[in-house]
Amino acid sequence: MVSWQQGKNNLFEYMDWIHSCRVIISNDSLGLHMAFAFGKEVVGLFGPTDPKEIYFYNAGHVVFSLQECSLRPCLATRCGNGLKCMEKIDLNQVEEIVLSIFRSSTKAQNNSRGADYQERPLLPIVKEGIPTAYGLL
């Protein structure tokens, strides 16, 4: 199940929400750093900030913006050049990383369940041409 950010008005609710997730996809923010503190798998989205300034604890994956900009890293919330670097994140790359995380965790779980366990598909079956959502919780 995909869950959008919870607990925007209460730090403890926010922490509970992050702790409940298997994977966090986030820009360089408090959520990203809290996810590392909770030992979660993290997909970090980077545009105006520099991932070299973050320690990933062997649990993080970096996705850079494809936007070319000589000012980067600028740390700006609004671009002085009028660019929107966070909109140039490759969503296919994010999806590939998340699926690889789920595949590796599913494989590890299957190995611990014994020889009789039958693996189910990672993604739900598409019905009538409408894809169903897959989750991070």
N, C-alpha and C. Protein backbone atom coordinates (compact mmCIF):
# COMPACT_ATOMS: atom_id res chain seq x y z
N MET A 1 0.84 -1.17 0.00
CA MET A 1 0.00 0.00 0.00
C MET A 1 0.89 1.24 0.00
N VAL A 2 0.54 2.20 -0.81
CA VAL A 2 1.25 3.47 -0.85
C VAL A 2 0.59 4.40 0.15
N SER A 3 1.39 5.10 0.91
CA SER A 3 0.87 6.03 1.90
C SER A 3 1.55 7.37 1.72
N TRP A 4 0.75 8.41 1.60
CA TRP A 4 1.31 9.75 1.52
C TRP A 4 1.64 10.22 2.93
N GLN A 5 2.46 11.22 3.02
CA GLN A 5 2.97 11.70 4.30
C GLN A 5 1.86 11.93 5.31
N GLN A 6 2.06 11.39 6.50
CA GLN A 6 1.12 11.54 7.61
C GLN A 6 1.79 12.35 8.73
N GLY A 7 1.00 12.87 9.64
CA GLY A 7 1.52 13.53 10.83
C GLY A 7 2.13 14.89 10.58
N LYS A 8 1.62 15.63 9.62
CA LYS A 8 2.21 16.93 9.29
C LYS A 8 2.12 17.93 10.45
N ASN A 9 1.18 17.74 11.36
CA ASN A 9 1.01 18.70 12.45
C ASN A 9 1.49 18.18 13.79
N ASN A 10 2.04 16.96 13.80
CA ASN A 10 2.46 16.38 15.07
C ASN A 10 3.69 15.52 14.83
N LEU A 11 4.80 15.88 15.45
CA LEU A 11 6.06 15.18 15.22
C LEU A 11 5.98 13.71 15.59
N PHE A 12 5.28 13.39 16.67
CA PHE A 12 5.18 11.99 17.11
C PHE A 12 4.37 11.16 16.12
N GLU A 13 3.30 11.74 15.56
CA GLU A 13 2.54 11.03 14.53
C GLU A 13 3.38 10.83 13.28
N TYR A 14 4.17 11.84 12.95
CA TYR A 14 5.07 11.75 11.80
C TYR A 14 6.08 10.63 12.00
N MET A 15 6.64 10.56 13.18
CA MET A 15 7.60 9.50 13.50
C MET A 15 6.93 8.13 13.43
N ASP A 16 5.72 8.01 13.96
CA ASP A 16 4.98 6.74 13.90
C ASP A 16 4.73 6.33 12.45
N TRP A 17 4.36 7.30 11.62
CA TRP A 17 4.11 6.99 10.22
C TRP A 17 5.38 6.49 9.53
N ILE A 18 6.48 7.18 9.72
CA ILE A 18 7.75 6.75 9.11
C ILE A 18 8.13 5.36 9.60
N HIS A 19 7.98 5.13 10.89
CA HIS A 19 8.32 3.83 11.46
C HIS A 19 7.45 2.70 10.89
N SER A 20 6.23 3.01 10.46
CA SER A 20 5.32 1.99 9.94
C SER A 20 5.64 1.60 8.49
N CYS A 21 6.44 2.39 7.81
CA CYS A 21 6.73 2.14 6.39
C CYS A 21 7.91 1.20 6.20
N ARG A 22 7.88 0.41 5.13
CA ARG A 22 9.01 -0.44 4.76
C ARG A 22 10.05 0.36 4.00
N VAL A 23 9.61 1.26 3.14
CA VAL A 23 10.48 2.07 2.31
C VAL A 23 9.98 3.50 2.35
N ILE A 24 10.90 4.44 2.42
CA ILE A 24 10.54 5.85 2.36
C ILE A 24 11.16 6.44 1.10
N ILE A 25 10.33 7.12 0.31
CA ILE A 25 10.81 7.88 -0.85
C ILE A 25 10.66 9.34 -0.46
N SER A 26 11.79 10.06 -0.44
CA SER A 26 11.74 11.42 0.09
C SER A 26 12.83 12.28 -0.53
N ASN A 27 12.55 13.57 -0.59
CA ASN A 27 13.63 14.50 -0.91
C ASN A 27 14.49 14.65 0.35
N ASP A 28 15.53 15.45 0.26
CA ASP A 28 16.43 15.67 1.39
C ASP A 28 15.67 16.49 2.44
N SER A 29 15.10 15.78 3.41
CA SER A 29 14.22 16.42 4.39
C SER A 29 14.32 15.69 5.72
N LEU A 30 13.58 16.16 6.69
CA LEU A 30 13.53 15.51 7.99
C LEU A 30 13.09 14.06 7.84
N GLY A 31 12.11 13.80 6.97
CA GLY A 31 11.62 12.44 6.77
C GLY A 31 12.71 11.48 6.32
N LEU A 32 13.56 11.92 5.42
CA LEU A 32 14.66 11.11 4.94
C LEU A 32 15.60 10.75 6.09
N HIS A 33 15.96 11.73 6.89
CA HIS A 33 16.89 11.51 8.00
C HIS A 33 16.26 10.65 9.11
N MET A 34 14.97 10.85 9.37
CA MET A 34 14.30 10.02 10.37
C MET A 34 14.20 8.57 9.88
N ALA A 35 13.97 8.38 8.60
CA ALA A 35 13.88 7.02 8.05
C ALA A 35 15.21 6.29 8.25
N PHE A 36 16.32 6.98 8.05
CA PHE A 36 17.62 6.38 8.33
C PHE A 36 17.75 6.03 9.81
N ALA A 37 17.28 6.93 10.67
CA ALA A 37 17.37 6.68 12.12
C ALA A 37 16.56 5.45 12.52
N PHE A 38 15.47 5.19 11.81
CA PHE A 38 14.64 4.01 12.10
C PHE A 38 15.10 2.77 11.35
N GLY A 39 16.18 2.90 10.57
CA GLY A 39 16.71 1.75 9.85
C GLY A 39 15.89 1.33 8.65
N LYS A 40 15.17 2.27 8.04
CA LYS A 40 14.33 1.97 6.89
C LYS A 40 15.15 2.04 5.60
N GLU A 41 14.66 1.37 4.57
CA GLU A 41 15.23 1.55 3.24
C GLU A 41 14.76 2.92 2.76
N VAL A 42 15.66 3.66 2.14
CA VAL A 42 15.35 5.03 1.73
C VAL A 42 15.73 5.24 0.28
N VAL A 43 14.82 5.87 -0.46
CA VAL A 43 15.12 6.34 -1.81
C VAL A 43 15.13 7.86 -1.71
N GLY A 44 16.33 8.43 -1.80
CA GLY A 44 16.50 9.87 -1.67
C GLY A 44 16.45 10.56 -3.01
N LEU A 45 15.61 11.58 -3.12
CA LEU A 45 15.45 12.34 -4.35
C LEU A 45 16.22 13.65 -4.21
N PHE A 46 17.16 13.89 -5.11
CA PHE A 46 18.04 15.04 -4.98
C PHE A 46 18.01 15.92 -6.21
N GLY A 47 17.73 17.19 -5.97
CA GLY A 47 17.77 18.21 -7.01
C GLY A 47 18.68 19.32 -6.56
N PRO A 48 18.18 20.22 -5.68
CA PRO A 48 18.99 21.35 -5.24
C PRO A 48 19.97 21.03 -4.10
N THR A 49 19.92 19.83 -3.56
CA THR A 49 20.83 19.46 -2.47
C THR A 49 21.82 18.39 -2.93
N ASP A 50 22.85 18.15 -2.13
CA ASP A 50 23.95 17.26 -2.50
C ASP A 50 23.94 16.01 -1.63
N PRO A 51 23.76 14.83 -2.22
CA PRO A 51 23.74 13.60 -1.42
C PRO A 51 25.09 13.27 -0.78
N LYS A 52 26.17 13.92 -1.24
CA LYS A 52 27.48 13.67 -0.64
C LYS A 52 27.53 14.16 0.81
N GLU A 53 26.57 14.99 1.19
CA GLU A 53 26.54 15.53 2.55
C GLU A 53 25.74 14.64 3.51
N ILE A 54 25.29 13.49 3.02
CA ILE A 54 24.46 12.60 3.83
C ILE A 54 25.10 11.23 3.91
N TYR A 55 25.10 10.65 5.09
CA TYR A 55 25.57 9.28 5.26
C TYR A 55 24.36 8.36 5.11
N PHE A 56 24.44 7.38 4.23
CA PHE A 56 23.29 6.56 3.88
C PHE A 56 23.17 5.26 4.66
N TYR A 57 24.08 4.97 5.56
CA TYR A 57 23.98 3.80 6.44
C TYR A 57 23.72 2.50 5.67
N ASN A 58 24.23 2.41 4.46
CA ASN A 58 24.05 1.21 3.61
C ASN A 58 22.57 0.86 3.39
N ALA A 59 21.69 1.82 3.55
CA ALA A 59 20.26 1.56 3.37
C ALA A 59 19.63 2.59 2.45
N GLY A 60 20.45 3.35 1.74
CA GLY A 60 19.89 4.41 0.93
C GLY A 60 20.24 4.29 -0.53
N HIS A 61 19.36 4.82 -1.34
CA HIS A 61 19.53 4.84 -2.79
C HIS A 61 19.32 6.27 -3.25
N VAL A 62 20.18 6.74 -4.14
CA VAL A 62 20.14 8.12 -4.60
C VAL A 62 19.55 8.19 -5.99
N VAL A 63 18.62 9.13 -6.18
CA VAL A 63 18.09 9.45 -7.50
C VAL A 63 18.34 10.94 -7.72
N PHE A 64 19.17 11.25 -8.72
CA PHE A 64 19.48 12.64 -9.05
C PHE A 64 18.48 13.19 -10.06
N SER A 65 18.24 14.46 -9.96
CA SER A 65 17.46 15.14 -10.98
C SER A 65 18.23 15.12 -12.29
N LEU A 66 17.53 14.97 -13.38
CA LEU A 66 18.16 15.00 -14.70
C LEU A 66 18.33 16.42 -15.23
N GLN A 67 17.85 17.40 -14.45
CA GLN A 67 17.94 18.81 -14.85
C GLN A 67 19.39 19.27 -14.82
N GLU A 68 19.84 19.84 -15.92
CA GLU A 68 21.18 20.44 -15.97
C GLU A 68 21.10 21.84 -15.35
N CYS A 69 22.02 22.13 -14.44
CA CYS A 69 22.04 23.45 -13.82
C CYS A 69 23.43 23.71 -13.24
N SER A 70 24.02 24.81 -13.61
CA SER A 70 25.37 25.16 -13.14
C SER A 70 25.37 25.59 -11.68
N LEU A 71 24.23 25.92 -11.12
CA LEU A 71 24.16 26.38 -9.73
C LEU A 71 24.07 25.25 -8.71
N ARG A 72 23.86 24.04 -9.16
CA ARG A 72 23.62 22.92 -8.26
C ARG A 72 24.90 22.45 -7.60
N PRO A 73 24.90 22.16 -6.31
CA PRO A 73 23.77 22.27 -5.38
C PRO A 73 23.57 23.71 -4.92
N CYS A 74 22.36 24.18 -5.01
CA CYS A 74 22.06 25.57 -4.65
C CYS A 74 21.31 25.66 -3.32
N LEU A 75 20.69 24.55 -2.89
CA LEU A 75 19.93 24.47 -1.64
C LEU A 75 18.68 25.36 -1.64
N ALA A 76 18.31 25.87 -2.79
CA ALA A 76 17.17 26.79 -2.88
C ALA A 76 15.85 26.04 -2.94
N THR A 77 14.83 26.63 -2.33
CA THR A 77 13.49 26.07 -2.46
C THR A 77 12.82 26.56 -3.75
N ARG A 78 13.27 27.71 -4.26
CA ARG A 78 12.81 28.22 -5.55
C ARG A 78 14.05 28.57 -6.37
N CYS A 79 14.06 28.12 -7.60
CA CYS A 79 15.23 28.27 -8.46
C CYS A 79 15.40 29.69 -8.97
N GLY A 80 16.62 30.19 -8.85
CA GLY A 80 16.95 31.52 -9.38
C GLY A 80 16.97 31.55 -10.89
N ASN A 81 17.11 30.37 -11.52
CA ASN A 81 17.12 30.28 -12.99
C ASN A 81 15.75 29.93 -13.55
N GLY A 82 14.75 29.75 -12.68
CA GLY A 82 13.42 29.40 -13.13
C GLY A 82 13.26 27.93 -13.50
N LEU A 83 14.22 27.10 -13.11
CA LEU A 83 14.15 25.67 -13.41
C LEU A 83 13.38 24.94 -12.31
N LYS A 84 12.91 23.76 -12.62
CA LYS A 84 12.19 22.93 -11.64
C LYS A 84 12.86 21.57 -11.60
N CYS A 85 14.00 21.52 -10.93
CA CYS A 85 14.83 20.31 -10.99
C CYS A 85 14.14 19.09 -10.37
N MET A 86 13.30 19.28 -9.38
CA MET A 86 12.64 18.12 -8.76
C MET A 86 11.62 17.49 -9.70
N GLU A 87 11.14 18.27 -10.68
CA GLU A 87 10.22 17.71 -11.67
C GLU A 87 10.96 16.86 -12.71
N LYS A 88 12.28 16.92 -12.70
CA LYS A 88 13.10 16.15 -13.64
C LYS A 88 13.66 14.87 -13.01
N ILE A 89 13.03 14.42 -11.93
CA ILE A 89 13.39 13.13 -11.33
C ILE A 89 12.84 12.04 -12.24
N ASP A 90 13.66 11.04 -12.52
CA ASP A 90 13.24 9.92 -13.37
C ASP A 90 12.40 8.94 -12.54
N LEU A 91 11.09 8.99 -12.72
CA LEU A 91 10.19 8.14 -11.94
C LEU A 91 10.39 6.66 -12.24
N ASN A 92 10.82 6.34 -13.45
CA ASN A 92 11.11 4.94 -13.78
C ASN A 92 12.28 4.43 -12.94
N GLN A 93 13.27 5.28 -12.73
CA GLN A 93 14.41 4.89 -11.89
C GLN A 93 13.96 4.67 -10.45
N VAL A 94 13.10 5.54 -9.94
CA VAL A 94 12.57 5.38 -8.59
C VAL A 94 11.82 4.06 -8.48
N GLU A 95 10.97 3.78 -9.46
CA GLU A 95 10.20 2.54 -9.44
C GLU A 95 11.13 1.32 -9.48
N GLU A 96 12.16 1.34 -10.33
CA GLU A 96 13.10 0.22 -10.41
C GLU A 96 13.78 -0.03 -9.07
N ILE A 97 14.17 1.03 -8.39
CA ILE A 97 14.84 0.88 -7.09
C ILE A 97 13.89 0.28 -6.07
N VAL A 98 12.67 0.80 -6.01
CA VAL A 98 11.69 0.30 -5.04
C VAL A 98 11.39 -1.18 -5.31
N LEU A 99 11.21 -1.52 -6.57
CA LEU A 99 10.93 -2.92 -6.90
C LEU A 99 12.11 -3.82 -6.53
N SER A 100 13.33 -3.33 -6.74
CA SER A 100 14.50 -4.15 -6.36
C SER A 100 14.57 -4.34 -4.85
N ILE A 101 14.19 -3.32 -4.09
CA ILE A 101 14.15 -3.45 -2.63
C ILE A 101 13.13 -4.50 -2.23
N PHE A 102 11.93 -4.43 -2.83
CA PHE A 102 10.89 -5.41 -2.51
C PHE A 102 11.28 -6.81 -2.94
N ARG A 103 11.92 -6.93 -4.11
CA ARG A 103 12.35 -8.25 -4.57
C ARG A 103 13.36 -8.86 -3.62
N SER A 104 14.34 -8.06 -3.19
CA SER A 104 15.37 -8.61 -2.30
C SER A 104 14.79 -8.95 -0.93
N SER A 105 13.85 -8.15 -0.42
CA SER A 105 13.26 -8.48 0.88
C SER A 105 12.34 -9.68 0.76
N THR A 106 11.63 -9.82 -0.38
CA THR A 106 10.77 -10.98 -0.61
C THR A 106 11.61 -12.25 -0.73
N LYS A 107 12.73 -12.15 -1.42
CA LYS A 107 13.62 -13.30 -1.59
C LYS A 107 14.18 -13.74 -0.23
N ALA A 108 14.58 -12.78 0.60
CA ALA A 108 15.09 -13.12 1.93
C ALA A 108 14.02 -13.76 2.79
N GLN A 109 12.79 -13.25 2.70
CA GLN A 109 11.68 -13.84 3.47
C GLN A 109 11.40 -15.26 2.97
N ASN A 110 11.43 -15.46 1.66
CA ASN A 110 11.16 -16.78 1.10
C ASN A 110 12.21 -17.79 1.54
N ASN A 111 13.46 -17.36 1.59
CA ASN A 111 14.54 -18.26 2.02
C ASN A 111 14.35 -18.70 3.46
N SER A 112 13.77 -17.85 4.27
CA SER A 112 13.56 -18.20 5.67
C SER A 112 12.28 -19.01 5.89
N ARG A 113 11.41 -19.11 4.85
CA ARG A 113 10.14 -19.81 5.00
C ARG A 113 10.21 -21.28 4.62
N GLY A 114 11.27 -21.70 3.99
CA GLY A 114 11.41 -23.11 3.64
C GLY A 114 11.08 -23.41 2.20
N ALA A 115 11.31 -24.65 1.81
CA ALA A 115 11.20 -25.06 0.41
C ALA A 115 9.77 -25.09 -0.09
N ASP A 116 8.78 -25.25 0.78
CA ASP A 116 7.39 -25.37 0.35
C ASP A 116 6.72 -24.03 0.05
N TYR A 117 7.38 -22.94 0.38
CA TYR A 117 6.77 -21.63 0.19
C TYR A 117 6.72 -21.28 -1.29
N GLN A 118 5.57 -20.78 -1.78
CA GLN A 118 5.43 -20.37 -3.17
C GLN A 118 5.36 -18.85 -3.23
N GLU A 119 6.23 -18.29 -4.03
CA GLU A 119 6.29 -16.84 -4.15
C GLU A 119 5.09 -16.31 -4.93
N ARG A 120 4.51 -15.23 -4.41
CA ARG A 120 3.43 -14.54 -5.11
C ARG A 120 4.03 -13.41 -5.93
N PRO A 121 3.33 -12.95 -6.97
CA PRO A 121 3.88 -11.83 -7.75
C PRO A 121 4.04 -10.59 -6.87
N LEU A 122 5.10 -9.83 -7.13
CA LEU A 122 5.36 -8.63 -6.35
C LEU A 122 4.29 -7.57 -6.62
N LEU A 123 3.96 -7.38 -7.88
CA LEU A 123 2.95 -6.38 -8.23
C LEU A 123 1.60 -7.06 -8.43
N PRO A 124 0.54 -6.41 -8.02
CA PRO A 124 -0.79 -6.97 -8.25
C PRO A 124 -1.07 -7.11 -9.75
N ILE A 125 -1.96 -8.00 -10.07
CA ILE A 125 -2.34 -8.22 -11.46
C ILE A 125 -3.18 -7.04 -11.93
N VAL A 126 -2.94 -6.61 -13.16
CA VAL A 126 -3.70 -5.51 -13.74
C VAL A 126 -5.03 -6.06 -14.23
N LYS A 127 -6.11 -5.42 -13.81
CA LYS A 127 -7.45 -5.84 -14.22
C LYS A 127 -8.05 -4.77 -15.12
N GLU A 128 -8.57 -5.20 -16.24
CA GLU A 128 -9.26 -4.33 -17.19
C GLU A 128 -8.40 -3.13 -17.59
N GLY A 129 -7.09 -3.33 -17.74
CA GLY A 129 -6.21 -2.28 -18.21
C GLY A 129 -5.90 -1.20 -17.19
N ILE A 130 -6.42 -1.31 -15.97
CA ILE A 130 -6.15 -0.31 -14.94
C ILE A 130 -5.19 -0.90 -13.92
N PRO A 131 -3.97 -0.36 -13.84
CA PRO A 131 -3.03 -0.93 -12.87
C PRO A 131 -3.47 -0.65 -11.44
N THR A 132 -3.30 -1.60 -10.59
CA THR A 132 -3.58 -1.38 -9.17
C THR A 132 -2.31 -0.87 -8.51
N ALA A 133 -2.45 -0.21 -7.40
CA ALA A 133 -1.30 0.37 -6.72
C ALA A 133 -0.52 -0.71 -5.97
N TYR A 134 0.78 -0.56 -5.89
CA TYR A 134 1.59 -1.40 -5.05
C TYR A 134 2.18 -0.52 -3.97
N GLY A 135 2.58 -1.13 -2.86
CA GLY A 135 2.80 -0.29 -1.71
C GLY A 135 4.18 -0.25 -1.13
N LEU A 136 4.30 0.64 -0.19
CA LEU A 136 5.53 0.85 0.53
C LEU A 136 5.38 0.50 2.00
N LEU A 137 4.16 0.18 2.44
CA LEU A 137 3.94 -0.13 3.84
C LEU A 137 4.11 -1.60 4.10
